[in-house]
PDB file of N, CA and C in Angstrom:
ATOM      1  N   UNK A   1       0.828  -1.182   0.000  1.00  0.00           N
ATOM      2  CA  UNK A   1       0.000   0.000   0.000  1.00  0.00           C
ATOM      3  C   UNK A   1       0.872   1.245   0.000  1.00  0.00           C
ATOM      4  N   UNK A   2       1.924   1.223   0.790  1.00  0.00           N
ATOM      5  CA  UNK A   2       2.780   2.411   0.884  1.00  0.00           C
ATOM      6  C   UNK A   2       3.398   2.766  -0.459  1.00  0.00           C
ATOM      7  N   UNK A   3       3.906   1.780  -1.180  1.00  0.00           N
ATOM      8  CA  UNK A   3       4.548   2.079  -2.463  1.00  0.00           C
ATOM      9  C   UNK A   3       3.539   2.579  -3.487  1.00  0.00           C
ATOM     10  N   UNK A   4       2.340   2.018  -3.484  1.00  0.00           N
ATOM     11  CA  UNK A   4       1.306   2.482  -4.411  1.00  0.00           C
ATOM     12  C   UNK A   4       0.905   3.917  -4.090  1.00  0.00           C
ATOM     13  N   UNK A   5       0.684   4.206  -2.806  1.00  0.00           N
ATOM     14  CA  UNK A   5       0.325   5.565  -2.414  1.00  0.00           C
ATOM     15  C   UNK A   5       1.449   6.550  -2.708  1.00  0.00           C
ATOM     16  N   UNK A   6       2.683   6.123  -2.478  1.00  0.00           N
ATOM     17  CA  UNK A   6       3.814   7.006  -2.769  1.00  0.00           C
ATOM     18  C   UNK A   6       3.878   7.343  -4.250  1.00  0.00           C
ATOM     19  N   UNK A   7       3.613   6.335  -5.092  1.00  0.00           N
ATOM     20  CA  UNK A   7       3.594   6.566  -6.533  1.00  0.00           C
ATOM     21  C   UNK A   7       2.505   7.535  -6.944  1.00  0.00           C
ATOM     22  N   UNK A   8       1.340   7.420  -6.338  1.00  0.00           N
ATOM     23  CA  UNK A   8       0.237   8.318  -6.643  1.00  0.00           C
ATOM     24  C   UNK A   8       0.577   9.746  -6.212  1.00  0.00           C
ATOM     25  N   UNK A   9       1.093   9.867  -5.003  1.00  0.00           N
ATOM     26  CA  UNK A   9       1.405  11.191  -4.488  1.00  0.00           C
ATOM     27  C   UNK A   9       2.547  11.843  -5.255  1.00  0.00           C
ATOM     28  N   UNK A  10       3.467  11.055  -5.779  1.00  0.00           N
ATOM     29  CA  UNK A  10       4.565  11.633  -6.552  1.00  0.00           C
ATOM     30  C   UNK A  10       4.074  12.163  -7.895  1.00  0.00           C
ATOM     31  N   UNK A  11       2.976  11.612  -8.398  1.00  0.00           N
ATOM     32  CA  UNK A  11       2.413  12.084  -9.669  1.00  0.00           C
ATOM     33  C   UNK A  11       1.401  13.200  -9.492  1.00  0.00           C
ATOM     34  N   UNK A  12       0.989  13.454  -8.262  1.00  0.00           N
ATOM     35  CA  UNK A  12      -0.031  14.458  -7.988  1.00  0.00           C
ATOM     36  C   UNK A  12       0.627  15.759  -7.569  1.00  0.00           C
ATOM     37  N   UNK A  13       0.128  16.846  -8.067  1.00  0.00           N
ATOM     38  CA  UNK A  13       0.617  18.158  -7.674  1.00  0.00           C
ATOM     39  C   UNK A  13       0.075  18.461  -6.283  1.00  0.00           C
ATOM     40  N   UNK A  14       0.908  18.252  -5.263  1.00  0.00           N
ATOM     41  CA  UNK A  14       0.461  18.408  -3.881  1.00  0.00           C
ATOM     42  C   UNK A  14       0.080  19.843  -3.549  1.00  0.00           C
ATOM     43  N   UNK A  15       0.706  20.810  -4.196  1.00  0.00           N
ATOM     44  CA  UNK A  15       0.344  22.206  -3.940  1.00  0.00           C
ATOM     45  C   UNK A  15      -1.086  22.471  -4.395  1.00  0.00           C
ATOM     46  N   UNK A  16      -1.456  21.925  -5.551  1.00  0.00           N
ATOM     47  CA  UNK A  16      -2.816  22.119  -6.061  1.00  0.00           C
ATOM     48  C   UNK A  16      -3.820  21.380  -5.185  1.00  0.00           C
ATOM     49  N   UNK A  17      -3.453  20.192  -4.718  1.00  0.00           N
ATOM     50  CA  UNK A  17      -4.355  19.425  -3.864  1.00  0.00           C
ATOM     51  C   UNK A  17      -4.583  20.173  -2.555  1.00  0.00           C
ATOM     52  N   UNK A  18      -3.520  20.749  -2.005  1.00  0.00           N
ATOM     53  CA  UNK A  18      -3.631  21.493  -0.753  1.00  0.00           C
ATOM     54  C   UNK A  18      -4.534  22.703  -0.861  1.00  0.00           C
ATOM     55  N   UNK A  19      -4.639  23.268  -2.056  1.00  0.00           N
ATOM     56  CA  UNK A  19      -5.493  24.443  -2.258  1.00  0.00           C
ATOM     57  C   UNK A  19      -6.905  24.061  -2.681  1.00  0.00           C
ATOM     58  N   UNK A  20      -7.190  22.765  -2.675  1.00  0.00           N
ATOM     59  CA  UNK A  20      -8.546  22.326  -3.023  1.00  0.00           C
ATOM     60  C   UNK A  20      -8.775  22.184  -4.508  1.00  0.00           C
ATOM     61  N   UNK A  21      -7.707  22.274  -5.319  1.00  0.00           N
ATOM     62  CA  UNK A  21      -7.876  22.202  -6.761  1.00  0.00           C
ATOM     63  C   UNK A  21      -8.157  20.787  -7.245  1.00  0.00           C
ATOM     64  N   UNK A  22      -7.807  19.818  -6.462  1.00  0.00           N
ATOM     65  CA  UNK A  22      -8.019  18.447  -6.887  1.00  0.00           C
ATOM     66  C   UNK A  22      -7.735  17.498  -5.745  1.00  0.00           C
ATOM     67  N   UNK A  23      -7.942  16.242  -6.030  1.00  0.00           N
ATOM     68  CA  UNK A  23      -7.730  15.226  -5.005  1.00  0.00           C
ATOM     69  C   UNK A  23      -7.093  14.024  -5.672  1.00  0.00           C
ATOM     70  N   UNK A  24      -6.105  13.444  -5.014  1.00  0.00           N
ATOM     71  CA  UNK A  24      -5.483  12.251  -5.565  1.00  0.00           C
ATOM     72  C   UNK A  24      -6.487  11.108  -5.519  1.00  0.00           C
ATOM     73  N   UNK A  25      -6.680  10.418  -6.638  1.00  0.00           N
ATOM     74  CA  UNK A  25      -7.636   9.307  -6.635  1.00  0.00           C
ATOM     75  C   UNK A  25      -7.095   8.142  -5.816  1.00  0.00           C
ATOM     76  N   UNK A  26      -7.968   7.461  -5.112  1.00  0.00           N
ATOM     77  CA  UNK A  26      -7.584   6.294  -4.324  1.00  0.00           C
ATOM     78  C   UNK A  26      -7.785   5.076  -5.210  1.00  0.00           C
ATOM     79  N   UNK A  27      -6.713   4.375  -5.578  1.00  0.00           N
ATOM     80  CA  UNK A  27      -6.875   3.213  -6.459  1.00  0.00           C
ATOM     81  C   UNK A  27      -7.682   2.101  -5.784  1.00  0.00           C
ATOM     82  N   UNK A  28      -8.398   1.316  -6.560  1.00  0.00           N
ATOM     83  CA  UNK A  28      -9.229   0.265  -5.977  1.00  0.00           C
ATOM     84  C   UNK A  28      -8.427  -0.765  -5.188  1.00  0.00           C
ATOM     85  N   UNK A  29      -7.174  -1.035  -5.595  1.00  0.00           N
ATOM     86  CA  UNK A  29      -6.405  -2.026  -4.846  1.00  0.00           C
ATOM     87  C   UNK A  29      -6.072  -1.537  -3.440  1.00  0.00           C
ATOM     88  N   UNK A  30      -5.917  -0.234  -3.260  1.00  0.00           N
ATOM     89  CA  UNK A  30      -5.670   0.324  -1.925  1.00  0.00           C
ATOM     90  C   UNK A  30      -6.951   0.217  -1.091  1.00  0.00           C
ATOM     91  N   UNK A  31      -8.072   0.605  -1.676  1.00  0.00           N
ATOM     92  CA  UNK A  31      -9.352   0.533  -0.969  1.00  0.00           C
ATOM     93  C   UNK A  31      -9.660  -0.903  -0.557  1.00  0.00           C
ATOM     94  N   UNK A  32      -9.472  -1.842  -1.472  1.00  0.00           N
ATOM     95  CA  UNK A  32      -9.750  -3.250  -1.159  1.00  0.00           C
ATOM     96  C   UNK A  32      -8.819  -3.774  -0.074  1.00  0.00           C
ATOM     97  N   UNK A  33      -7.557  -3.399  -0.133  1.00  0.00           N
ATOM     98  CA  UNK A  33      -6.608  -3.849   0.883  1.00  0.00           C
ATOM     99  C   UNK A  33      -6.960  -3.279   2.247  1.00  0.00           C
ATOM    100  N   UNK A  34      -7.345  -2.010   2.289  1.00  0.00           N
ATOM    101  CA  UNK A  34      -7.731  -1.398   3.553  1.00  0.00           C
ATOM    102  C   UNK A  34      -8.981  -2.057   4.133  1.00  0.00           C
ATOM    103  N   UNK A  35      -9.935  -2.367   3.284  1.00  0.00           N
ATOM    104  CA  UNK A  35     -11.138  -3.063   3.744  1.00  0.00           C
ATOM    105  C   UNK A  35     -10.792  -4.444   4.295  1.00  0.00           C
ATOM    106  N   UNK A  36      -9.890  -5.152   3.609  1.00  0.00           N
ATOM    107  CA  UNK A  36      -9.466  -6.467   4.081  1.00  0.00           C
ATOM    108  C   UNK A  36      -8.775  -6.363   5.436  1.00  0.00           C
ATOM    109  N   UNK A  37      -7.854  -5.414   5.575  1.00  0.00           N
ATOM    110  CA  UNK A  37      -7.134  -5.246   6.840  1.00  0.00           C
ATOM    111  C   UNK A  37      -8.104  -4.895   7.959  1.00  0.00           C
ATOM    112  N   UNK A  38      -9.064  -4.037   7.667  1.00  0.00           N
ATOM    113  CA  UNK A  38     -10.058  -3.661   8.677  1.00  0.00           C
ATOM    114  C   UNK A  38     -10.875  -4.884   9.116  1.00  0.00           C
ATOM    115  N   UNK A  39     -11.337  -5.678   8.156  1.00  0.00           N
ATOM    116  CA  UNK A  39     -12.105  -6.882   8.497  1.00  0.00           C
ATOM    117  C   UNK A  39     -11.242  -7.891   9.257  1.00  0.00           C
ATOM    118  N   UNK A  40     -10.001  -8.041   8.837  1.00  0.00           N
ATOM    119  CA  UNK A  40      -9.091  -8.958   9.507  1.00  0.00           C
ATOM    120  C   UNK A  40      -8.904  -8.555  10.967  1.00  0.00           C
ATOM    121  N   UNK A  41      -8.728  -7.270  11.206  1.00  0.00           N
ATOM    122  CA  UNK A  41      -8.565  -6.779  12.581  1.00  0.00           C
ATOM    123  C   UNK A  41      -9.805  -7.087  13.411  1.00  0.00           C
ATOM    124  N   UNK A  42     -10.973  -6.927  12.833  1.00  0.00           N
ATOM    125  CA  UNK A  42     -12.209  -7.203  13.566  1.00  0.00           C
ATOM    126  C   UNK A  42     -12.337  -8.691  13.889  1.00  0.00           C
ATOM    127  N   UNK A  43     -12.081  -9.557  12.911  1.00  0.00           N
ATOM    128  CA  UNK A  43     -12.217 -10.999  13.107  1.00  0.00           C
ATOM    129  C   UNK A  43     -11.176 -11.517  14.100  1.00  0.00           C
ATOM    130  N   UNK A  44      -9.952 -11.004  14.009  1.00  0.00           N
ATOM    131  CA  UNK A  44      -8.858 -11.476  14.870  1.00  0.00           C
ATOM    132  C   UNK A  44      -8.804 -10.744  16.208  1.00  0.00           C
ATOM    133  N   UNK A  45      -9.724  -9.808  16.405  1.00  0.00           N
ATOM    134  CA  UNK A  45      -9.768  -9.014  17.642  1.00  0.00           C
ATOM    135  C   UNK A  45      -8.450  -8.269  17.879  1.00  0.00           C
ATOM    136  N   UNK A  46      -7.928  -7.700  16.800  1.00  0.00           N
ATOM    137  CA  UNK A  46      -6.715  -6.893  16.862  1.00  0.00           C
ATOM    138  C   UNK A  46      -7.152  -5.432  16.802  1.00  0.00           C
ATOM    139  N   UNK A  47      -6.712  -4.620  17.754  1.00  0.00           N
ATOM    140  CA  UNK A  47      -7.086  -3.201  17.680  1.00  0.00           C
ATOM    141  C   UNK A  47      -6.493  -2.560  16.426  1.00  0.00           C
ATOM    142  N   UNK A  48      -7.303  -1.756  15.780  1.00  0.00           N
ATOM    143  CA  UNK A  48      -6.828  -1.104  14.562  1.00  0.00           C
ATOM    144  C   UNK A  48      -5.637  -0.218  14.840  1.00  0.00           C
ATOM    145  N   UNK A  49      -5.516   0.251  16.065  1.00  0.00           N
ATOM    146  CA  UNK A  49      -4.366   1.075  16.442  1.00  0.00           C
ATOM    147  C   UNK A  49      -3.055   0.306  16.268  1.00  0.00           C
ATOM    148  N   UNK A  50      -3.120  -1.014  16.373  1.00  0.00           N
ATOM    149  CA  UNK A  50      -1.919  -1.839  16.177  1.00  0.00           C
ATOM    150  C   UNK A  50      -1.439  -1.778  14.726  1.00  0.00           C
ATOM    151  N   UNK A  51      -2.334  -1.471  13.818  1.00  0.00           N
ATOM    152  CA  UNK A  51      -1.970  -1.362  12.410  1.00  0.00           C
ATOM    153  C   UNK A  51      -1.358  -0.003  12.066  1.00  0.00           C
ATOM    154  N   UNK A  52      -1.439   0.950  12.988  1.00  0.00           N
ATOM    155  CA  UNK A  52      -0.957   2.310  12.713  1.00  0.00           C
ATOM    156  C   UNK A  52       0.527   2.341  12.380  1.00  0.00           C
ATOM    157  N   UNK A  53       1.263   1.361  12.869  1.00  0.00           N
ATOM    158  CA  UNK A  53       2.684   1.295  12.542  1.00  0.00           C
ATOM    159  C   UNK A  53       2.892   1.029  11.054  1.00  0.00           C
ATOM    160  N   UNK A  54       1.960   0.309  10.457  1.00  0.00           N
ATOM    161  CA  UNK A  54       2.071  -0.085   9.057  1.00  0.00           C
ATOM    162  C   UNK A  54       1.213   0.764   8.131  1.00  0.00           C
ATOM    163  N   UNK A  55       0.043   1.143   8.618  1.00  0.00           N
ATOM    164  CA  UNK A  55      -0.888   1.956   7.828  1.00  0.00           C
ATOM    165  C   UNK A  55      -1.338   3.118   8.703  1.00  0.00           C
ATOM    166  N   UNK A  56      -0.927   4.332   8.370  1.00  0.00           N
ATOM    167  CA  UNK A  56      -1.337   5.479   9.182  1.00  0.00           C
ATOM    168  C   UNK A  56      -2.858   5.644   9.202  1.00  0.00           C
ATOM    169  N   UNK A  57      -3.360   6.167  10.310  1.00  0.00           N
ATOM    170  CA  UNK A  57      -4.812   6.297  10.462  1.00  0.00           C
ATOM    171  C   UNK A  57      -5.427   7.214   9.408  1.00  0.00           C
ATOM    172  N   UNK A  58      -4.686   8.207   8.934  1.00  0.00           N
ATOM    173  CA  UNK A  58      -5.256   9.113   7.925  1.00  0.00           C
ATOM    174  C   UNK A  58      -5.494   8.390   6.604  1.00  0.00           C
ATOM    175  N   UNK A  59      -4.764   7.305   6.356  1.00  0.00           N
ATOM    176  CA  UNK A  59      -5.009   6.528   5.130  1.00  0.00           C
ATOM    177  C   UNK A  59      -6.326   5.770   5.280  1.00  0.00           C
ATOM    178  N   UNK A  60      -6.557   5.154   6.462  1.00  0.00           N
ATOM    179  CA  UNK A  60      -7.834   4.502   6.713  1.00  0.00           C
ATOM    180  C   UNK A  60      -8.970   5.530   6.610  1.00  0.00           C
ATOM    181  N   UNK A  61      -8.766   6.700   7.171  1.00  0.00           N
ATOM    182  CA  UNK A  61      -9.807   7.728   7.163  1.00  0.00           C
ATOM    183  C   UNK A  61     -10.099   8.230   5.748  1.00  0.00           C
ATOM    184  N   UNK A  62      -9.105   8.164   4.851  1.00  0.00           N
ATOM    185  CA  UNK A  62      -9.306   8.643   3.494  1.00  0.00           C
ATOM    186  C   UNK A  62     -10.332   7.813   2.735  1.00  0.00           C
ATOM    187  N   UNK A  63     -10.476   6.563   3.123  1.00  0.00           N
ATOM    188  CA  UNK A  63     -11.464   5.711   2.446  1.00  0.00           C
ATOM    189  C   UNK A  63     -12.646   5.412   3.359  1.00  0.00           C
ATOM    190  N   UNK A  64     -12.697   6.082   4.487  1.00  0.00           N
ATOM    191  CA  UNK A  64     -13.805   5.952   5.444  1.00  0.00           C
ATOM    192  C   UNK A  64     -14.043   4.520   5.865  1.00  0.00           C
ATOM    193  N   UNK A  65     -12.985   3.822   6.227  1.00  0.00           N
ATOM    194  CA  UNK A  65     -13.080   2.449   6.720  1.00  0.00           C
ATOM    195  C   UNK A  65     -13.327   2.513   8.207  1.00  0.00           C
ATOM    196  N   UNK A  66     -14.432   1.968   8.660  1.00  0.00           N
ATOM    197  CA  UNK A  66     -14.732   1.886  10.102  1.00  0.00           C
ATOM    198  C   UNK A  66     -15.895   0.987  10.302  1.00  0.00           C
TER     199      UNK A  66
END
C-alpha cells in the first residue's frame, strides 16, 4: 500500500491538492486492501491502532473504513 500511495502522491501536484484544486484518486487495490485489513482486525480481535505502525490512520480515514 505504501509504495502504491507514494507513486500516486509523486504524480499528484500536492500544492494544487492542498489548495482544493483536486484530489489524488484512491486506487481500488488500496481501498480493497484497507477493507481487508479492517475486516481482519475485527475478526482477529486486533485493535486497529496496532496497524498504525504499518498503515497510518489518515489513510484509513481517506477511504472511510470503520
